[in-house]
PDB file of all heavy atoms in Angstrom:
ATOM      1  N   TYR A   1       0.843  -1.207   0.000  1.00  0.00           N
ATOM      2  CA  TYR A   1       0.000   0.000   0.000  1.00  0.00           C
ATOM      3  C   TYR A   1       0.872   1.248   0.000  1.00  0.00           C
ATOM      4  O   TYR A   1       1.704   1.413   0.892  1.00  0.00           O
ATOM      5  CB  TYR A   1      -0.923   0.018   1.222  1.00  0.00           C
ATOM      6  CG  TYR A   1      -1.854   1.219   1.210  1.00  0.00           C
ATOM      7  CD1 TYR A   1      -3.025   1.171   0.470  1.00  0.00           C
ATOM      8  CD2 TYR A   1      -1.534   2.372   1.910  1.00  0.00           C
ATOM      9  CE1 TYR A   1      -3.871   2.269   0.433  1.00  0.00           C
ATOM     10  CE2 TYR A   1      -2.369   3.469   1.870  1.00  0.00           C
ATOM     11  CZ  TYR A   1      -3.530   3.424   1.135  1.00  0.00           C
ATOM     12  OH  TYR A   1      -4.359   4.513   1.091  1.00  0.00           O
ATOM     13  N   PRO A   2       0.692   2.107  -1.011  1.00  0.00           N
ATOM     14  CA  PRO A   2      -0.132   1.878  -2.216  1.00  0.00           C
ATOM     15  C   PRO A   2       0.476   0.764  -3.061  1.00  0.00           C
ATOM     16  O   PRO A   2       1.682   0.529  -3.002  1.00  0.00           O
ATOM     17  CB  PRO A   2      -0.084   3.224  -2.929  1.00  0.00           C
ATOM     18  CG  PRO A   2       1.213   3.846  -2.478  1.00  0.00           C
ATOM     19  CD  PRO A   2       1.402   3.407  -1.057  1.00  0.00           C
ATOM     20  N   SER A   3      -0.353   0.094  -3.836  1.00  0.00           N
ATOM     21  CA  SER A   3       0.090  -1.082  -4.579  1.00  0.00           C
ATOM     22  C   SER A   3       0.719  -0.691  -5.914  1.00  0.00           C
ATOM     23  O   SER A   3       0.096   0.009  -6.721  1.00  0.00           O
ATOM     24  CB  SER A   3      -1.090  -2.032  -4.825  1.00  0.00           C
ATOM     25  OG  SER A   3      -1.448  -2.690  -3.631  1.00  0.00           O
ATOM     26  N   TYR A   4       1.953  -1.163  -6.129  1.00  0.00           N
ATOM     27  CA  TYR A   4       2.624  -0.952  -7.410  1.00  0.00           C
ATOM     28  C   TYR A   4       3.806  -1.912  -7.512  1.00  0.00           C
ATOM     29  O   TYR A   4       4.175  -2.568  -6.538  1.00  0.00           O
ATOM     30  CB  TYR A   4       3.089   0.501  -7.574  1.00  0.00           C
ATOM     31  CG  TYR A   4       3.964   1.024  -6.469  1.00  0.00           C
ATOM     32  CD1 TYR A   4       5.332   0.794  -6.451  1.00  0.00           C
ATOM     33  CD2 TYR A   4       3.415   1.779  -5.429  1.00  0.00           C
ATOM     34  CE1 TYR A   4       6.138   1.291  -5.448  1.00  0.00           C
ATOM     35  CE2 TYR A   4       4.210   2.278  -4.415  1.00  0.00           C
ATOM     36  CZ  TYR A   4       5.567   2.037  -4.424  1.00  0.00           C
ATOM     37  OH  TYR A   4       6.363   2.520  -3.415  1.00  0.00           O
ATOM     38  N   LEU A   5       4.381  -2.005  -8.716  1.00  0.00           N
ATOM     39  CA  LEU A   5       5.556  -2.835  -8.979  1.00  0.00           C
ATOM     40  C   LEU A   5       6.728  -1.950  -9.358  1.00  0.00           C
ATOM     41  O   LEU A   5       6.556  -0.928 -10.035  1.00  0.00           O
ATOM     42  CB  LEU A   5       5.283  -3.835 -10.114  1.00  0.00           C
ATOM     43  CG  LEU A   5       4.169  -4.854  -9.909  1.00  0.00           C
ATOM     44  CD1 LEU A   5       4.027  -5.725 -11.162  1.00  0.00           C
ATOM     45  CD2 LEU A   5       4.430  -5.724  -8.697  1.00  0.00           C
ATOM     46  N   ILE A   6       7.924  -2.358  -8.953  1.00  0.00           N
ATOM     47  CA  ILE A   6       9.156  -1.648  -9.312  1.00  0.00           C
ATOM     48  C   ILE A   6      10.063  -2.626 -10.053  1.00  0.00           C
ATOM     49  O   ILE A   6      10.364  -3.706  -9.538  1.00  0.00           O
ATOM     50  CB  ILE A   6       9.883  -1.103  -8.074  1.00  0.00           C
ATOM     51  CG1 ILE A   6       8.988  -0.121  -7.314  1.00  0.00           C
ATOM     52  CG2 ILE A   6      11.187  -0.429  -8.475  1.00  0.00           C
ATOM     53  CD1 ILE A   6       9.586   0.331  -6.004  1.00  0.00           C
ATOM     54  N   ILE A   7      10.473  -2.259 -11.270  1.00  0.00           N
ATOM     55  CA  ILE A   7      11.380  -3.101 -12.064  1.00  0.00           C
ATOM     56  C   ILE A   7      12.778  -2.499 -11.976  1.00  0.00           C
ATOM     57  O   ILE A   7      12.970  -1.305 -12.260  1.00  0.00           O
ATOM     58  CB  ILE A   7      10.932  -3.207 -13.533  1.00  0.00           C
ATOM     59  CG1 ILE A   7       9.571  -3.907 -13.630  1.00  0.00           C
ATOM     60  CG2 ILE A   7      11.941  -3.985 -14.345  1.00  0.00           C
ATOM     61  CD1 ILE A   7       8.388  -2.989 -13.574  1.00  0.00           C
ATOM     62  N   CYS A   8      13.754  -3.318 -11.583  1.00  0.00           N
ATOM     63  CA  CYS A   8      15.138  -2.868 -11.427  1.00  0.00           C
ATOM     64  C   CYS A   8      16.054  -3.651 -12.359  1.00  0.00           C
ATOM     65  O   CYS A   8      15.819  -4.832 -12.633  1.00  0.00           O
ATOM     66  CB  CYS A   8      15.608  -3.049  -9.989  1.00  0.00           C
ATOM     67  SG  CYS A   8      14.661  -2.122  -8.764  1.00  0.00           S
ATOM     68  N   SER A   9      17.096  -2.987 -12.835  1.00  0.00           N
ATOM     69  CA  SER A   9      18.092  -3.653 -13.668  1.00  0.00           C
ATOM     70  C   SER A   9      18.952  -4.569 -12.803  1.00  0.00           C
ATOM     71  O   SER A   9      18.891  -4.518 -11.572  1.00  0.00           O
ATOM     72  CB  SER A   9      18.968  -2.623 -14.382  1.00  0.00           C
ATOM     73  OG  SER A   9      19.685  -1.849 -13.430  1.00  0.00           O
ATOM     74  N   ALA A  10      19.768  -5.381 -13.461  1.00  0.00           N
ATOM     75  CA  ALA A  10      20.597  -6.342 -12.732  1.00  0.00           C
ATOM     76  C   ALA A  10      21.618  -5.662 -11.827  1.00  0.00           C
ATOM     77  O   ALA A  10      22.091  -6.265 -10.856  1.00  0.00           O
ATOM     78  CB  ALA A  10      21.315  -7.267 -13.718  1.00  0.00           C
ATOM     79  N   ASP A  11      21.950  -4.389 -12.108  1.00  0.00           N
ATOM     80  CA  ASP A  11      22.894  -3.665 -11.251  1.00  0.00           C
ATOM     81  C   ASP A  11      22.188  -2.800 -10.214  1.00  0.00           C
ATOM     82  O   ASP A  11      22.822  -1.987  -9.539  1.00  0.00           O
ATOM     83  CB  ASP A  11      23.838  -2.806 -12.106  1.00  0.00           C
ATOM     84  CG  ASP A  11      23.086  -1.803 -12.983  1.00  0.00           C
ATOM     85  OD1 ASP A  11      21.843  -1.757 -12.908  1.00  0.00           O
ATOM     86  OD2 ASP A  11      23.750  -1.084 -13.748  1.00  0.00           O
ATOM     87  N   GLY A  12      20.857  -2.959 -10.087  1.00  0.00           N
ATOM     88  CA  GLY A  12      20.121  -2.299  -9.014  1.00  0.00           C
ATOM     89  C   GLY A  12      19.495  -0.964  -9.357  1.00  0.00           C
ATOM     90  O   GLY A  12      18.873  -0.333  -8.491  1.00  0.00           O
ATOM     91  N   LYS A  13      19.585  -0.509 -10.599  1.00  0.00           N
ATOM     92  CA  LYS A  13      18.997   0.775 -10.966  1.00  0.00           C
ATOM     93  C   LYS A  13      17.499   0.606 -11.254  1.00  0.00           C
ATOM     94  O   LYS A  13      17.097  -0.329 -11.926  1.00  0.00           O
ATOM     95  CB  LYS A  13      19.700   1.351 -12.200  1.00  0.00           C
ATOM     96  CG  LYS A  13      21.155   1.698 -11.961  1.00  0.00           C
ATOM     97  CD  LYS A  13      21.807   2.252 -13.222  1.00  0.00           C
ATOM     98  CE  LYS A  13      23.276   2.578 -12.972  1.00  0.00           C
ATOM     99  NZ  LYS A  13      23.944   3.083 -14.207  1.00  0.00           N
ATOM    100  N   VAL A  14      16.704   1.527 -10.725  1.00  0.00           N
ATOM    101  CA  VAL A  14      15.257   1.477 -10.956  1.00  0.00           C
ATOM    102  C   VAL A  14      14.965   1.869 -12.400  1.00  0.00           C
ATOM    103  O   VAL A  14      15.332   2.956 -12.848  1.00  0.00           O
ATOM    104  CB  VAL A  14      14.507   2.417  -9.991  1.00  0.00           C
ATOM    105  CG1 VAL A  14      13.017   2.429 -10.318  1.00  0.00           C
ATOM    106  CG2 VAL A  14      14.718   1.974  -8.553  1.00  0.00           C
ATOM    107  N   GLU A  15      14.334   0.973 -13.161  1.00  0.00           N
ATOM    108  CA  GLU A  15      14.031   1.226 -14.565  1.00  0.00           C
ATOM    109  C   GLU A  15      12.600   1.705 -14.788  1.00  0.00           C
ATOM    110  O   GLU A  15      12.347   2.518 -15.662  1.00  0.00           O
ATOM    111  CB  GLU A  15      14.258  -0.052 -15.392  1.00  0.00           C
ATOM    112  CG  GLU A  15      15.701  -0.477 -15.511  1.00  0.00           C
ATOM    113  CD  GLU A  15      15.871  -1.640 -16.477  1.00  0.00           C
ATOM    114  OE1 GLU A  15      14.858  -2.275 -16.837  1.00  0.00           O
ATOM    115  OE2 GLU A  15      17.015  -1.908 -16.890  1.00  0.00           O
ATOM    116  N   LYS A  16      11.672   1.179 -13.978  1.00  0.00           N
ATOM    117  CA  LYS A  16      10.266   1.438 -14.282  1.00  0.00           C
ATOM    118  C   LYS A  16       9.409   1.163 -13.052  1.00  0.00           C
ATOM    119  O   LYS A  16       9.737   0.312 -12.228  1.00  0.00           O
ATOM    120  CB  LYS A  16       9.833   0.516 -15.435  1.00  0.00           C
ATOM    121  CG  LYS A  16       8.480   0.815 -16.048  1.00  0.00           C
ATOM    122  CD  LYS A  16       8.258  -0.127 -17.235  1.00  0.00           C
ATOM    123  CE  LYS A  16       6.972   0.192 -17.975  1.00  0.00           C
ATOM    124  NZ  LYS A  16       6.770  -0.716 -19.128  1.00  0.00           N
ATOM    125  N   THR A  17       8.307   1.905 -12.932  1.00  0.00           N
ATOM    126  CA  THR A  17       7.310   1.663 -11.895  1.00  0.00           C
ATOM    127  C   THR A  17       5.962   1.449 -12.562  1.00  0.00           C
ATOM    128  O   THR A  17       5.560   2.235 -13.422  1.00  0.00           O
ATOM    129  CB  THR A  17       7.231   2.838 -10.905  1.00  0.00           C
ATOM    130  OG1 THR A  17       8.508   3.012 -10.273  1.00  0.00           O
ATOM    131  CG2 THR A  17       6.196   2.564  -9.825  1.00  0.00           C
ATOM    132  N   ILE A  18       5.272   0.373 -12.192  1.00  0.00           N
ATOM    133  CA  ILE A  18       3.962   0.047 -12.779  1.00  0.00           C
ATOM    134  C   ILE A  18       2.890   0.218 -11.709  1.00  0.00           C
ATOM    135  O   ILE A  18       2.937  -0.419 -10.656  1.00  0.00           O
ATOM    136  CB  ILE A  18       3.936  -1.388 -13.322  1.00  0.00           C
ATOM    137  CG1 ILE A  18       4.999  -1.564 -14.421  1.00  0.00           C
ATOM    138  CG2 ILE A  18       2.560  -1.745 -13.861  1.00  0.00           C
ATOM    139  CD1 ILE A  18       5.086  -2.980 -14.958  1.00  0.00           C
ATOM    140  N   THR A  19       1.921   1.080 -11.975  1.00  0.00           N
ATOM    141  CA  THR A  19       0.853   1.366 -11.026  1.00  0.00           C
ATOM    142  C   THR A  19      -0.498   0.993 -11.629  1.00  0.00           C
ATOM    143  O   THR A  19      -0.587   0.494 -12.745  1.00  0.00           O
ATOM    144  CB  THR A  19       0.868   2.855 -10.645  1.00  0.00           C
ATOM    145  OG1 THR A  19       0.719   3.648 -11.842  1.00  0.00           O
ATOM    146  CG2 THR A  19       2.192   3.234  -9.983  1.00  0.00           C
ATOM    147  N   ASN A  20      -1.555   1.250 -10.869  1.00  0.00           N
ATOM    148  CA  ASN A  20      -2.945   1.053 -11.334  1.00  0.00           C
ATOM    149  C   ASN A  20      -3.214  -0.387 -11.759  1.00  0.00           C
ATOM    150  O   ASN A  20      -3.819  -0.645 -12.803  1.00  0.00           O
ATOM    151  CB  ASN A  20      -3.265   2.003 -12.499  1.00  0.00           C
ATOM    152  CG  ASN A  20      -3.112   3.457 -12.118  1.00  0.00           C
ATOM    153  OD1 ASN A  20      -3.438   3.848 -11.007  1.00  0.00           O
ATOM    154  ND2 ASN A  20      -2.585   4.252 -13.031  1.00  0.00           N
ATOM    155  N   LEU A  21      -2.754  -1.346 -10.934  1.00  0.00           N
ATOM    156  CA  LEU A  21      -2.995  -2.752 -11.246  1.00  0.00           C
ATOM    157  C   LEU A  21      -4.127  -3.319 -10.405  1.00  0.00           C
ATOM    158  O   LEU A  21      -5.199  -3.624 -10.896  1.00  0.00           O
ATOM    159  CB  LEU A  21      -1.708  -3.572 -11.012  1.00  0.00           C
ATOM    160  CG  LEU A  21      -0.556  -3.289 -11.970  1.00  0.00           C
ATOM    161  CD1 LEU A  21       0.702  -4.020 -11.533  1.00  0.00           C
ATOM    162  CD2 LEU A  21      -0.940  -3.717 -13.392  1.00  0.00           C
ATOM    163  N   VAL A  22      -3.896  -3.463  -9.115  1.00  0.00           N
ATOM    164  CA  VAL A  22      -4.885  -4.020  -8.194  1.00  0.00           C
ATOM    165  C   VAL A  22      -4.505  -3.546  -6.793  1.00  0.00           C
ATOM    166  O   VAL A  22      -3.343  -3.254  -6.514  1.00  0.00           O
ATOM    167  CB  VAL A  22      -4.907  -5.566  -8.273  1.00  0.00           C
ATOM    168  CG1 VAL A  22      -3.605  -6.151  -7.772  1.00  0.00           C
ATOM    169  CG2 VAL A  22      -6.083  -6.132  -7.493  1.00  0.00           C
ATOM    170  N   HIS A  23      -5.483  -3.442  -5.905  1.00  0.00           N
ATOM    171  CA  HIS A  23      -5.199  -3.047  -4.531  1.00  0.00           C
ATOM    172  C   HIS A  23      -4.610  -4.219  -3.747  1.00  0.00           C
ATOM    173  O   HIS A  23      -4.860  -5.386  -4.044  1.00  0.00           O
ATOM    174  CB  HIS A  23      -6.473  -2.565  -3.838  1.00  0.00           C
ATOM    175  CG  HIS A  23      -7.029  -1.300  -4.439  1.00  0.00           C
ATOM    176  ND1 HIS A  23      -6.325  -0.120  -4.453  1.00  0.00           N
ATOM    177  CD2 HIS A  23      -8.223  -1.051  -5.034  1.00  0.00           C
ATOM    178  CE1 HIS A  23      -7.058   0.814  -5.039  1.00  0.00           C
ATOM    179  NE2 HIS A  23      -8.217   0.271  -5.412  1.00  0.00           N
ATOM    180  N   ASP A  24      -3.828  -3.903  -2.736  1.00  0.00           N
ATOM    181  CA  ASP A  24      -3.335  -4.876  -1.758  1.00  0.00           C
ATOM    182  C   ASP A  24      -2.521  -6.004  -2.394  1.00  0.00           C
ATOM    183  O   ASP A  24      -2.749  -7.189  -2.142  1.00  0.00           O
ATOM    184  CB  ASP A  24      -4.502  -5.482  -0.971  1.00  0.00           C
ATOM    185  CG  ASP A  24      -5.410  -4.431  -0.362  1.00  0.00           C
ATOM    186  OD1 ASP A  24      -4.881  -3.382   0.021  1.00  0.00           O
ATOM    187  OD2 ASP A  24      -6.633  -4.673  -0.284  1.00  0.00           O
ATOM    188  N   ILE A  25      -1.544  -5.665  -3.248  1.00  0.00           N
ATOM    189  CA  ILE A  25      -0.666  -6.690  -3.822  1.00  0.00           C
ATOM    190  C   ILE A  25       0.117  -7.350  -2.693  1.00  0.00           C
ATOM    191  O   ILE A  25       0.835  -6.691  -1.944  1.00  0.00           O
ATOM    192  CB  ILE A  25       0.307  -6.081  -4.852  1.00  0.00           C
ATOM    193  CG1 ILE A  25      -0.468  -5.558  -6.067  1.00  0.00           C
ATOM    194  CG2 ILE A  25       1.332  -7.122  -5.290  1.00  0.00           C
ATOM    195  CD1 ILE A  25       0.413  -4.898  -7.104  1.00  0.00           C
ATOM    196  N   HIS A  26      -0.033  -8.683  -2.583  1.00  0.00           N
ATOM    197  CA  HIS A  26       0.581  -9.397  -1.465  1.00  0.00           C
ATOM    198  C   HIS A  26       1.807 -10.200  -1.874  1.00  0.00           C
ATOM    199  O   HIS A  26       2.608 -10.592  -1.021  1.00  0.00           O
ATOM    200  CB  HIS A  26      -0.446 -10.327  -0.813  1.00  0.00           C
ATOM    201  CG  HIS A  26      -0.209 -10.522   0.654  1.00  0.00           C
ATOM    202  ND1 HIS A  26       0.782 -11.336   1.155  1.00  0.00           N
ATOM    203  CD2 HIS A  26      -0.828  -9.986   1.742  1.00  0.00           C
ATOM    204  CE1 HIS A  26       0.766 -11.308   2.482  1.00  0.00           C
ATOM    205  NE2 HIS A  26      -0.197 -10.498   2.865  1.00  0.00           N
ATOM    206  N   ASP A  27       1.970 -10.479  -3.167  1.00  0.00           N
ATOM    207  CA  ASP A  27       3.150 -11.221  -3.612  1.00  0.00           C
ATOM    208  C   ASP A  27       3.279 -11.099  -5.124  1.00  0.00           C
ATOM    209  O   ASP A  27       2.298 -10.803  -5.831  1.00  0.00           O
ATOM    210  CB  ASP A  27       3.049 -12.695  -3.217  1.00  0.00           C
ATOM    211  CG  ASP A  27       4.416 -13.397  -3.233  1.00  0.00           C
ATOM    212  OD1 ASP A  27       5.436 -12.698  -3.353  1.00  0.00           O
ATOM    213  OD2 ASP A  27       4.456 -14.628  -3.112  1.00  0.00           O
ATOM    214  N   VAL A  28       4.493 -11.321  -5.625  1.00  0.00           N
ATOM    215  CA  VAL A  28       4.772 -11.293  -7.056  1.00  0.00           C
ATOM    216  C   VAL A  28       5.707 -12.444  -7.381  1.00  0.00           C
ATOM    217  O   VAL A  28       6.579 -12.790  -6.577  1.00  0.00           O
ATOM    218  CB  VAL A  28       5.391  -9.939  -7.488  1.00  0.00           C
ATOM    219  CG1 VAL A  28       6.694  -9.689  -6.748  1.00  0.00           C
ATOM    220  CG2 VAL A  28       5.625  -9.898  -9.002  1.00  0.00           C
TER     221      VAL A  28
END
């Protein structure tokens, strides 16, 4: 909360954030 996904490169840099999927994401 708030629910979103963060995609990171193999060296740890944040590449992208994905929002507006579903509430209360509990696992990926």
